[in-house]
N, C-alpha and C. Protein backbone atom coordinates (compact mmCIF):
# COMPACT_ATOMS: atom_id res chain seq x y z
N MET A 1 0.85 -1.18 0.00
CA MET A 1 0.00 0.00 0.00
C MET A 1 0.90 1.24 0.00
N THR A 2 0.64 2.13 -0.87
CA THR A 2 1.46 3.34 -0.97
C THR A 2 0.72 4.52 -0.36
N GLU A 3 1.49 5.37 0.29
CA GLU A 3 0.90 6.57 0.88
C GLU A 3 0.80 7.65 -0.18
N PRO A 4 -0.15 8.53 -0.04
CA PRO A 4 -0.22 9.66 -0.97
C PRO A 4 1.06 10.50 -0.87
N TRP A 5 1.35 11.22 -1.92
CA TRP A 5 2.57 12.02 -1.98
C TRP A 5 2.65 12.97 -0.78
N GLY A 6 3.81 12.92 -0.06
CA GLY A 6 4.03 13.84 1.05
C GLY A 6 3.54 13.34 2.40
N GLN A 7 2.89 12.19 2.42
CA GLN A 7 2.41 11.66 3.70
C GLN A 7 3.18 10.40 4.03
N ALA A 8 4.02 10.50 5.02
CA ALA A 8 4.81 9.35 5.43
C ALA A 8 4.00 8.52 6.43
N ALA A 9 4.36 7.27 6.52
CA ALA A 9 3.70 6.41 7.50
C ALA A 9 4.05 6.90 8.90
N ARG A 10 3.09 6.91 9.80
CA ARG A 10 3.32 7.39 11.16
C ARG A 10 3.47 6.20 12.11
N ARG A 11 4.36 6.39 13.05
CA ARG A 11 4.51 5.38 14.10
C ARG A 11 3.40 5.57 15.12
N PRO A 12 2.92 4.48 15.68
CA PRO A 12 1.91 4.63 16.72
C PRO A 12 2.53 5.28 17.96
N ALA A 13 1.73 6.01 18.69
CA ALA A 13 2.22 6.67 19.90
C ALA A 13 2.58 5.63 20.95
N ARG A 14 3.56 5.97 21.78
CA ARG A 14 3.95 5.06 22.85
C ARG A 14 2.84 5.00 23.89
N ARG A 15 2.66 3.81 24.41
CA ARG A 15 1.67 3.66 25.46
C ARG A 15 2.22 4.24 26.75
N PRO A 16 1.39 4.89 27.55
CA PRO A 16 1.90 5.42 28.82
C PRO A 16 2.30 4.28 29.75
N THR A 17 3.27 4.55 30.61
CA THR A 17 3.71 3.54 31.57
C THR A 17 2.62 3.35 32.61
N PRO A 18 2.18 2.13 32.80
CA PRO A 18 1.16 1.89 33.82
C PRO A 18 1.67 2.29 35.20
N ALA A 19 0.77 2.79 36.03
CA ALA A 19 1.15 3.25 37.36
C ALA A 19 1.74 2.11 38.18
N GLY A 20 1.29 0.89 37.94
CA GLY A 20 1.82 -0.26 38.68
C GLY A 20 3.29 -0.49 38.40
N ARG A 21 3.69 -0.34 37.16
CA ARG A 21 5.10 -0.53 36.80
C ARG A 21 5.96 0.58 37.39
N ALA A 22 5.45 1.81 37.35
CA ALA A 22 6.21 2.93 37.93
C ALA A 22 6.32 2.76 39.44
N GLY A 23 5.26 2.28 40.07
CA GLY A 23 5.28 2.04 41.51
C GLY A 23 6.25 0.93 41.89
N LEU A 24 6.27 -0.12 41.09
CA LEU A 24 7.18 -1.23 41.33
C LEU A 24 8.63 -0.76 41.17
N ALA A 25 8.88 0.03 40.15
CA ALA A 25 10.23 0.56 39.94
C ALA A 25 10.66 1.41 41.14
N GLN A 26 9.75 2.22 41.65
CA GLN A 26 10.05 3.05 42.81
C GLN A 26 10.37 2.20 44.03
N GLN A 27 9.60 1.14 44.25
CA GLN A 27 9.82 0.26 45.40
C GLN A 27 11.16 -0.45 45.29
N LEU A 28 11.47 -0.96 44.12
CA LEU A 28 12.74 -1.66 43.93
C LEU A 28 13.93 -0.73 44.14
N TYR A 29 13.79 0.49 43.65
CA TYR A 29 14.88 1.46 43.78
C TYR A 29 15.04 1.91 45.23
N ASP A 30 13.93 2.20 45.90
CA ASP A 30 13.99 2.66 47.29
C ASP A 30 14.52 1.58 48.23
N ALA A 31 14.17 0.33 47.96
CA ALA A 31 14.64 -0.77 48.80
C ALA A 31 16.09 -1.14 48.47
N ARG A 32 16.66 -0.50 47.46
CA ARG A 32 18.03 -0.74 47.01
C ARG A 32 18.25 -2.19 46.59
N LYS A 33 17.18 -2.78 46.04
CA LYS A 33 17.29 -4.14 45.52
C LYS A 33 17.79 -4.14 44.08
N LYS A 34 17.50 -3.09 43.34
CA LYS A 34 17.89 -3.00 41.94
C LYS A 34 18.44 -1.60 41.65
N THR A 35 19.35 -1.54 40.71
CA THR A 35 19.84 -0.24 40.24
C THR A 35 18.89 0.27 39.16
N VAL A 36 19.07 1.53 38.79
CA VAL A 36 18.23 2.10 37.73
C VAL A 36 18.43 1.33 36.44
N GLN A 37 19.67 0.96 36.14
CA GLN A 37 19.93 0.21 34.90
C GLN A 37 19.24 -1.15 34.93
N GLN A 38 19.27 -1.84 36.07
CA GLN A 38 18.62 -3.14 36.18
C GLN A 38 17.10 -3.01 36.03
N ILE A 39 16.52 -1.97 36.60
CA ILE A 39 15.08 -1.74 36.46
C ILE A 39 14.74 -1.45 35.01
N ALA A 40 15.56 -0.64 34.35
CA ALA A 40 15.34 -0.33 32.93
C ALA A 40 15.40 -1.60 32.09
N ASP A 41 16.34 -2.47 32.40
CA ASP A 41 16.45 -3.73 31.66
C ASP A 41 15.24 -4.63 31.90
N MET A 42 14.73 -4.63 33.14
CA MET A 42 13.54 -5.44 33.45
C MET A 42 12.33 -5.03 32.61
N PHE A 43 12.15 -3.70 32.48
CA PHE A 43 10.98 -3.19 31.77
C PHE A 43 11.25 -2.91 30.29
N ASN A 44 12.48 -3.15 29.86
CA ASN A 44 12.85 -2.95 28.46
C ASN A 44 12.63 -1.50 28.02
N VAL A 45 13.10 -0.57 28.86
CA VAL A 45 13.00 0.86 28.57
C VAL A 45 14.37 1.48 28.80
N PRO A 46 14.60 2.69 28.27
CA PRO A 46 15.88 3.35 28.53
C PRO A 46 16.01 3.76 30.00
N ARG A 47 17.23 3.89 30.46
CA ARG A 47 17.48 4.29 31.84
C ARG A 47 16.90 5.67 32.13
N SER A 48 16.92 6.56 31.16
CA SER A 48 16.38 7.91 31.36
C SER A 48 14.87 7.88 31.63
N THR A 49 14.17 6.90 31.06
CA THR A 49 12.74 6.77 31.31
C THR A 49 12.49 6.39 32.77
N VAL A 50 13.30 5.50 33.29
CA VAL A 50 13.15 5.11 34.70
C VAL A 50 13.42 6.31 35.59
N HIS A 51 14.47 7.06 35.29
CA HIS A 51 14.78 8.25 36.09
C HIS A 51 13.62 9.24 36.05
N GLY A 52 12.97 9.36 34.92
CA GLY A 52 11.85 10.28 34.79
C GLY A 52 10.65 9.88 35.62
N HIS A 53 10.48 8.59 35.88
CA HIS A 53 9.32 8.12 36.64
C HIS A 53 9.59 7.98 38.13
N LEU A 54 10.85 8.08 38.55
CA LEU A 54 11.14 7.99 39.98
C LEU A 54 10.73 9.28 40.66
N ASP A 55 10.10 9.14 41.82
CA ASP A 55 9.67 10.31 42.59
C ASP A 55 10.85 10.79 43.41
N LYS A 56 11.38 11.95 43.05
CA LYS A 56 12.59 12.45 43.70
C LYS A 56 12.34 12.80 45.17
N ALA A 57 11.10 13.17 45.53
CA ALA A 57 10.79 13.54 46.91
C ALA A 57 10.84 12.31 47.83
N LYS A 58 10.49 11.14 47.32
CA LYS A 58 10.47 9.92 48.13
C LYS A 58 11.81 9.19 48.14
N THR A 59 12.62 9.42 47.13
CA THR A 59 13.85 8.67 46.96
C THR A 59 14.91 9.14 47.94
N VAL A 60 15.51 8.19 48.63
CA VAL A 60 16.59 8.47 49.56
C VAL A 60 17.88 8.54 48.77
N PRO A 61 18.74 9.52 49.04
CA PRO A 61 20.00 9.59 48.31
C PRO A 61 20.81 8.31 48.49
N ARG A 62 21.51 7.91 47.44
CA ARG A 62 22.28 6.67 47.46
C ARG A 62 23.48 6.76 48.40
N GLN A 63 24.26 7.81 48.28
CA GLN A 63 25.46 7.95 49.10
C GLN A 63 25.53 9.39 49.60
N PRO A 64 26.02 9.58 50.82
CA PRO A 64 26.17 10.95 51.29
C PRO A 64 27.25 11.67 50.49
N LYS A 65 27.10 12.98 50.41
CA LYS A 65 28.10 13.77 49.69
C LYS A 65 29.42 13.70 50.42
N LYS A 66 30.49 13.57 49.66
CA LYS A 66 31.82 13.49 50.25
C LYS A 66 32.29 14.90 50.63
N THR A 67 32.82 15.02 51.83
CA THR A 67 33.37 16.29 52.28
C THR A 67 34.87 16.11 52.45
N ALA A 68 35.56 17.20 52.68
CA ALA A 68 37.00 17.14 52.85
C ALA A 68 37.36 16.32 54.08
N ALA A 69 36.55 16.41 55.14
CA ALA A 69 36.82 15.65 56.37
C ALA A 69 36.61 14.16 56.15
N ALA A 70 35.66 13.79 55.30
CA ALA A 70 35.36 12.38 55.06
C ALA A 70 36.46 11.70 54.24
N LYS A 71 37.21 12.47 53.48
CA LYS A 71 38.25 11.90 52.63
C LYS A 71 39.50 11.52 53.41
N LEU A 72 39.68 12.08 54.60
CA LEU A 72 40.89 11.80 55.39
C LEU A 72 40.90 10.44 55.94
């Protein structure tokens, strides 16, 4: 089937991430059971997508910031 001149075939829009998957990703990350890369691999999405769905207010920092006193 050919498209009319000037009209290219369109890709279907991406489906939104179900809230359950985003919630599961948040739980795995907060419990420190999986890294962001491992979660991305589980859901077959880019790592940046996982970062976008993580709730920064709920997420505990991974490591404290290093200070000059901590390096000694």
